[in-house]
Amino acid sequence: MVRAGLTPKRLTRAGAELADEVGFDQVTVSELARRFDVKVASLYSHLKNSHELKTGIALLALEELADRGAAALAGRAGKDALCAFADVYRDYAREHPGRYAAAQFRLDPEAAAASAGGRHAQMTRAILRGYDLTEPDQTHAVRLLGSVFHGYVSLEIQGGFSHSAPDSQESWTRVLDAMDALLRNWPAP
């Protein structure tokens, strides 16, 4: 018997909430079944397995991040766009640590191609147009920005900056200033 109201979309959203509470790595179909007070078997009519659930959460997180990024970039260019986009990632990771971790989940090629991941790359490239970078430097810069944003945010949400001065907001501002200066003065090959 299928429990009324359970759909793949509802289960994915509940899984995303669970990820924020307990960590993305702890999300399973069994744990989700406990949330809805149903038997695990009843969820298998909506989900194949935990991998499909995690893929759904990853796709949701990528979509949410892309929507926030697009809204933040509207009407901005140069350093203003860079900072707004970076802040979207940082804020999202702080508000939704499990979903942020899900956004890093390795998707199969078909799911990745259909995901909002491409929108992230397009937005990053749009920011870089303000810095007059051409290929292959633009690709190098996309990878650099992703590494800096993700590295900083990951260390921060794990408490890596909570034990020393200056506070992490001051460092974040300085990191973004440095990224802007680097992009404006990108080294020649």
C-alpha atoms as a PDB file:
ATOM      1  CA  MET A   1       0.000   0.000   0.000  1.00  0.00           C
ATOM      2  CA  VAL A   2       1.366   3.413  -0.978  1.00  0.00           C
ATOM      3  CA  ARG A   3       1.231   5.954   1.810  1.00  0.00           C
ATOM      4  CA  ALA A   4      -0.860   8.977   0.838  1.00  0.00           C
ATOM      5  CA  GLY A   5       1.135  12.079   0.168  1.00  0.00           C
ATOM      6  CA  LEU A   6       4.516  10.439  -0.391  1.00  0.00           C
ATOM      7  CA  THR A   7       6.063  11.380  -3.708  1.00  0.00           C
ATOM      8  CA  PRO A   8       9.628  11.360  -4.970  1.00  0.00           C
ATOM      9  CA  LYS A   9       9.678  15.166  -4.745  1.00  0.00           C
ATOM     10  CA  ARG A  10       8.416  15.195  -1.155  1.00  0.00           C
ATOM     11  CA  LEU A  11      10.898  12.496  -0.173  1.00  0.00           C
ATOM     12  CA  THR A  12      13.762  14.399  -1.795  1.00  0.00           C
ATOM     13  CA  ARG A  13      12.834  17.582   0.081  1.00  0.00           C
ATOM     14  CA  ALA A  14      12.581  15.662   3.340  1.00  0.00           C
ATOM     15  CA  GLY A  15      15.929  14.056   2.562  1.00  0.00           C
ATOM     16  CA  ALA A  16      17.435  17.513   2.032  1.00  0.00           C
ATOM     17  CA  GLU A  17      16.095  18.670   5.403  1.00  0.00           C
ATOM     18  CA  LEU A  18      17.479  15.518   6.982  1.00  0.00           C
ATOM     19  CA  ALA A  19      20.871  16.170   5.369  1.00  0.00           C
ATOM     20  CA  ASP A  20      20.951  19.641   6.932  1.00  0.00           C
ATOM     21  CA  GLU A  21      20.168  18.162  10.339  1.00  0.00           C
ATOM     22  CA  VAL A  22      22.365  15.058  10.454  1.00  0.00           C
ATOM     23  CA  GLY A  23      24.792  15.438   7.545  1.00  0.00           C
ATOM     24  CA  PHE A  24      24.524  14.342   3.955  1.00  0.00           C
ATOM     25  CA  ASP A  25      26.545  11.171   4.547  1.00  0.00           C
ATOM     26  CA  GLN A  26      23.996  10.018   7.119  1.00  0.00           C
ATOM     27  CA  VAL A  27      20.999  10.226   4.773  1.00  0.00           C
ATOM     28  CA  THR A  28      19.517   6.826   3.949  1.00  0.00           C
ATOM     29  CA  VAL A  29      16.172   5.492   2.819  1.00  0.00           C
ATOM     30  CA  SER A  30      15.901   3.779   6.230  1.00  0.00           C
ATOM     31  CA  GLU A  31      16.359   7.070   8.073  1.00  0.00           C
ATOM     32  CA  LEU A  32      13.837   8.756   5.791  1.00  0.00           C
ATOM     33  CA  ALA A  33      11.318   5.966   6.447  1.00  0.00           C
ATOM     34  CA  ARG A  34      11.673   6.622  10.182  1.00  0.00           C
ATOM     35  CA  ARG A  35      10.875  10.298   9.511  1.00  0.00           C
ATOM     36  CA  PHE A  36       7.608   9.396   7.860  1.00  0.00           C
ATOM     37  CA  ASP A  37       6.894   6.531  10.270  1.00  0.00           C
ATOM     38  CA  VAL A  38       6.608   4.047   7.428  1.00  0.00           C
ATOM     39  CA  LYS A  39       8.340   0.804   6.557  1.00  0.00           C
ATOM     40  CA  VAL A  40      11.405   1.102   4.348  1.00  0.00           C
ATOM     41  CA  ALA A  41       9.753  -1.097   1.740  1.00  0.00           C
ATOM     42  CA  SER A  42       6.970   1.436   1.262  1.00  0.00           C
ATOM     43  CA  LEU A  43       9.506   4.038   0.087  1.00  0.00           C
ATOM     44  CA  TYR A  44      10.877   1.761  -2.610  1.00  0.00           C
ATOM     45  CA  SER A  45       7.811   2.433  -4.737  1.00  0.00           C
ATOM     46  CA  HIS A  46       9.111   6.041  -4.926  1.00  0.00           C
ATOM     47  CA  LEU A  47      12.890   5.563  -4.715  1.00  0.00           C
ATOM     48  CA  LYS A  48      15.163   2.814  -6.009  1.00  0.00           C
ATOM     49  CA  ASN A  49      17.763   3.161  -3.255  1.00  0.00           C
ATOM     50  CA  SER A  50      19.794   5.595  -1.133  1.00  0.00           C
ATOM     51  CA  HIS A  51      21.928   6.534  -4.132  1.00  0.00           C
ATOM     52  CA  GLU A  52      18.848   7.748  -6.015  1.00  0.00           C
ATOM     53  CA  LEU A  53      17.766   9.703  -2.925  1.00  0.00           C
ATOM     54  CA  LYS A  54      21.200  11.320  -2.636  1.00  0.00           C
ATOM     55  CA  THR A  55      21.220  12.123  -6.343  1.00  0.00           C
ATOM     56  CA  GLY A  56      17.852  13.839  -5.943  1.00  0.00           C
ATOM     57  CA  ILE A  57      19.122  15.876  -3.000  1.00  0.00           C
ATOM     58  CA  ALA A  58      22.228  16.850  -5.000  1.00  0.00           C
ATOM     59  CA  LEU A  59      20.095  17.974  -7.948  1.00  0.00           C
ATOM     60  CA  LEU A  60      17.852  19.980  -5.626  1.00  0.00           C
ATOM     61  CA  ALA A  61      20.843  21.660  -3.980  1.00  0.00           C
ATOM     62  CA  LEU A  62      22.424  22.537  -7.330  1.00  0.00           C
ATOM     63  CA  GLU A  63      19.130  24.032  -8.486  1.00  0.00           C
ATOM     64  CA  GLU A  64      18.683  26.066  -5.310  1.00  0.00           C
ATOM     65  CA  LEU A  65      22.250  27.352  -5.520  1.00  0.00           C
ATOM     66  CA  ALA A  66      21.870  28.247  -9.201  1.00  0.00           C
ATOM     67  CA  ASP A  67      18.636  30.130  -8.531  1.00  0.00           C
ATOM     68  CA  ARG A  68      20.240  32.083  -5.704  1.00  0.00           C
ATOM     69  CA  GLY A  69      23.325  32.767  -7.820  1.00  0.00           C
ATOM     70  CA  ALA A  70      21.284  34.079 -10.734  1.00  0.00           C
ATOM     71  CA  ALA A  71      19.316  36.381  -8.449  1.00  0.00           C
ATOM     72  CA  ALA A  72      22.498  37.668  -6.808  1.00  0.00           C
ATOM     73  CA  LEU A  73      24.227  38.362 -10.136  1.00  0.00           C
ATOM     74  CA  ALA A  74      21.358  40.280 -11.721  1.00  0.00           C
ATOM     75  CA  GLY A  75      22.608  43.755 -12.617  1.00  0.00           C
ATOM     76  CA  ARG A  76      26.097  43.219 -11.204  1.00  0.00           C
ATOM     77  CA  ALA A  77      29.510  43.091 -12.841  1.00  0.00           C
ATOM     78  CA  GLY A  78      33.189  42.911 -11.905  1.00  0.00           C
ATOM     79  CA  LYS A  79      34.084  42.706  -8.239  1.00  0.00           C
ATOM     80  CA  ASP A  80      30.490  43.345  -7.177  1.00  0.00           C
ATOM     81  CA  ALA A  81      29.374  40.260  -9.127  1.00  0.00           C
ATOM     82  CA  LEU A  82      32.296  38.197  -7.844  1.00  0.00           C
ATOM     83  CA  CYS A  83      31.507  39.029  -4.215  1.00  0.00           C
ATOM     84  CA  ALA A  84      27.750  38.508  -4.614  1.00  0.00           C
ATOM     85  CA  PHE A  85      28.276  35.103  -6.216  1.00  0.00           C
ATOM     86  CA  ALA A  86      30.823  34.037  -3.598  1.00  0.00           C
ATOM     87  CA  ASP A  87      28.486  35.129  -0.810  1.00  0.00           C
ATOM     88  CA  VAL A  88      25.715  32.964  -2.263  1.00  0.00           C
ATOM     89  CA  TYR A  89      27.893  29.864  -1.838  1.00  0.00           C
ATOM     90  CA  ARG A  90      29.028  30.829   1.622  1.00  0.00           C
ATOM     91  CA  ASP A  91      25.547  31.733   2.850  1.00  0.00           C
ATOM     92  CA  TYR A  92      24.005  28.598   1.385  1.00  0.00           C
ATOM     93  CA  ALA A  93      26.639  26.388   3.014  1.00  0.00           C
ATOM     94  CA  ARG A  94      26.058  28.026   6.378  1.00  0.00           C
ATOM     95  CA  GLU A  95      22.259  27.794   6.119  1.00  0.00           C
ATOM     96  CA  HIS A  96      22.159  24.320   4.555  1.00  0.00           C
ATOM     97  CA  PRO A  97      25.348  22.394   5.346  1.00  0.00           C
ATOM     98  CA  GLY A  98      23.893  19.041   4.306  1.00  0.00           C
ATOM     99  CA  ARG A  99      22.555  20.358   1.028  1.00  0.00           C
ATOM    100  CA  TYR A 100      25.846  22.121   0.372  1.00  0.00           C
ATOM    101  CA  ALA A 101      27.638  18.798   0.851  1.00  0.00           C
ATOM    102  CA  ALA A 102      25.088  17.222  -1.503  1.00  0.00           C
ATOM    103  CA  ALA A 103      25.978  19.767  -4.182  1.00  0.00           C
ATOM    104  CA  GLN A 104      29.457  18.179  -4.223  1.00  0.00           C
ATOM    105  CA  PHE A 105      28.036  14.659  -4.723  1.00  0.00           C
ATOM    106  CA  ARG A 106      29.474  12.950  -7.785  1.00  0.00           C
ATOM    107  CA  LEU A 107      26.670  12.538 -10.287  1.00  0.00           C
ATOM    108  CA  ASP A 108      26.626  10.096 -13.162  1.00  0.00           C
ATOM    109  CA  PRO A 109      27.267  11.808 -16.516  1.00  0.00           C
ATOM    110  CA  GLU A 110      23.612  11.818 -17.568  1.00  0.00           C
ATOM    111  CA  ALA A 111      22.385  13.325 -14.286  1.00  0.00           C
ATOM    112  CA  ALA A 112      25.231  15.855 -14.310  1.00  0.00           C
ATOM    113  CA  ALA A 113      24.364  16.956 -17.842  1.00  0.00           C
ATOM    114  CA  ALA A 114      20.729  17.484 -16.858  1.00  0.00           C
ATOM    115  CA  SER A 115      21.577  19.247 -13.594  1.00  0.00           C
ATOM    116  CA  ALA A 116      21.935  22.935 -12.781  1.00  0.00           C
ATOM    117  CA  GLY A 117      25.697  22.423 -12.591  1.00  0.00           C
ATOM    118  CA  GLY A 118      26.048  23.888 -16.047  1.00  0.00           C
ATOM    119  CA  ARG A 119      24.297  27.041 -14.892  1.00  0.00           C
ATOM    120  CA  HIS A 120      26.937  27.454 -12.173  1.00  0.00           C
ATOM    121  CA  ALA A 121      29.719  27.300 -14.742  1.00  0.00           C
ATOM    122  CA  GLN A 122      27.868  29.735 -17.028  1.00  0.00           C
ATOM    123  CA  MET A 123      27.411  32.221 -14.190  1.00  0.00           C
ATOM    124  CA  THR A 124      31.069  31.958 -13.222  1.00  0.00           C
ATOM    125  CA  ARG A 125      32.060  32.564 -16.838  1.00  0.00           C
ATOM    126  CA  ALA A 126      29.713  35.548 -16.972  1.00  0.00           C
ATOM    127  CA  ILE A 127      31.533  37.038 -13.985  1.00  0.00           C
ATOM    128  CA  LEU A 128      34.866  36.412 -15.679  1.00  0.00           C
ATOM    129  CA  ARG A 129      33.816  38.284 -18.823  1.00  0.00           C
ATOM    130  CA  GLY A 130      34.174  41.405 -16.685  1.00  0.00           C
ATOM    131  CA  TYR A 131      37.849  40.542 -16.286  1.00  0.00           C
ATOM    132  CA  ASP A 132      38.556  40.041 -20.016  1.00  0.00           C
ATOM    133  CA  LEU A 133      39.874  36.505 -19.663  1.00  0.00           C
ATOM    134  CA  THR A 134      39.971  34.283 -22.719  1.00  0.00           C
ATOM    135  CA  GLU A 135      40.421  30.533 -23.019  1.00  0.00           C
ATOM    136  CA  PRO A 136      42.143  28.583 -21.592  1.00  0.00           C
ATOM    137  CA  ASP A 137      42.662  31.156 -18.831  1.00  0.00           C
ATOM    138  CA  GLN A 138      38.921  31.455 -18.306  1.00  0.00           C
ATOM    139  CA  THR A 139      38.697  27.731 -17.541  1.00  0.00           C
ATOM    140  CA  HIS A 140      41.665  27.998 -15.179  1.00  0.00           C
ATOM    141  CA  ALA A 141      39.935  30.888 -13.408  1.00  0.00           C
ATOM    142  CA  VAL A 142      36.621  28.994 -13.132  1.00  0.00           C
ATOM    143  CA  ARG A 143      38.500  26.159 -11.429  1.00  0.00           C
ATOM    144  CA  LEU A 144      40.387  28.560  -9.175  1.00  0.00           C
ATOM    145  CA  LEU A 145      37.234  30.349  -8.025  1.00  0.00           C
ATOM    146  CA  GLY A 146      35.438  27.074  -7.373  1.00  0.00           C
ATOM    147  CA  SER A 147      38.403  25.805  -5.379  1.00  0.00           C
ATOM    148  CA  VAL A 148      38.702  28.966  -3.308  1.00  0.00           C
ATOM    149  CA  PHE A 149      34.983  29.265  -2.596  1.00  0.00           C
ATOM    150  CA  HIS A 150      34.552  25.605  -1.734  1.00  0.00           C
ATOM    151  CA  GLY A 151      37.783  25.347   0.231  1.00  0.00           C
ATOM    152  CA  TYR A 152      37.105  28.397   2.352  1.00  0.00           C
ATOM    153  CA  VAL A 153      33.470  27.530   2.978  1.00  0.00           C
ATOM    154  CA  SER A 154      34.275  23.905   3.832  1.00  0.00           C
ATOM    155  CA  LEU A 155      36.948  24.881   6.331  1.00  0.00           C
ATOM    156  CA  GLU A 156      34.707  27.532   7.850  1.00  0.00           C
ATOM    157  CA  ILE A 157      31.629  25.329   8.355  1.00  0.00           C
ATOM    158  CA  GLN A 158      33.836  22.660   9.923  1.00  0.00           C
ATOM    159  CA  GLY A 159      35.014  25.212  12.488  1.00  0.00           C
ATOM    160  CA  GLY A 160      38.484  25.671  11.041  1.00  0.00           C
ATOM    161  CA  PHE A 161      38.520  29.430  11.572  1.00  0.00           C
ATOM    162  CA  SER A 162      36.679  29.670  14.871  1.00  0.00           C
ATOM    163  CA  HIS A 163      39.722  29.524  17.138  1.00  0.00           C
ATOM    164  CA  SER A 164      41.750  32.499  16.022  1.00  0.00           C
ATOM    165  CA  ALA A 165      41.580  36.160  15.113  1.00  0.00           C
ATOM    166  CA  PRO A 166      40.757  37.920  12.880  1.00  0.00           C
ATOM    167  CA  ASP A 167      37.222  36.714  12.474  1.00  0.00           C
ATOM    168  CA  SER A 168      36.349  34.728   9.364  1.00  0.00           C
ATOM    169  CA  GLN A 169      34.255  37.523   7.831  1.00  0.00           C
ATOM    170  CA  GLU A 170      37.304  39.777   7.750  1.00  0.00           C
ATOM    171  CA  SER A 171      39.355  37.035   6.123  1.00  0.00           C
ATOM    172  CA  TRP A 172      36.550  36.315   3.625  1.00  0.00           C
ATOM    173  CA  THR A 173      36.498  39.961   2.570  1.00  0.00           C
ATOM    174  CA  ARG A 174      40.281  39.955   2.139  1.00  0.00           C
ATOM    175  CA  VAL A 175      40.182  36.711   0.149  1.00  0.00           C
ATOM    176  CA  LEU A 176      37.623  38.202  -2.238  1.00  0.00           C
ATOM    177  CA  ASP A 177      39.720  41.380  -2.555  1.00  0.00           C
ATOM    178  CA  ALA A 178      42.703  39.193  -3.436  1.00  0.00           C
ATOM    179  CA  MET A 179      40.684  37.184  -5.964  1.00  0.00           C
ATOM    180  CA  ASP A 180      39.505  40.393  -7.632  1.00  0.00           C
ATOM    181  CA  ALA A 181      43.093  41.712  -7.806  1.00  0.00           C
ATOM    182  CA  LEU A 182      44.324  38.409  -9.231  1.00  0.00           C
ATOM    183  CA  LEU A 183      41.601  38.311 -11.882  1.00  0.00           C
ATOM    184  CA  ARG A 184      42.314  41.912 -12.905  1.00  0.00           C
ATOM    185  CA  ASN A 185      46.034  41.093 -13.196  1.00  0.00           C
ATOM    186  CA  TRP A 186      45.868  37.536 -14.494  1.00  0.00           C
ATOM    187  CA  PRO A 187      49.396  36.318 -15.268  1.00  0.00           C
ATOM    188  CA  ALA A 188      50.366  35.763 -18.888  1.00  0.00           C
ATOM    189  CA  PRO A 189      51.163  32.151 -19.814  1.00  0.00           C
END
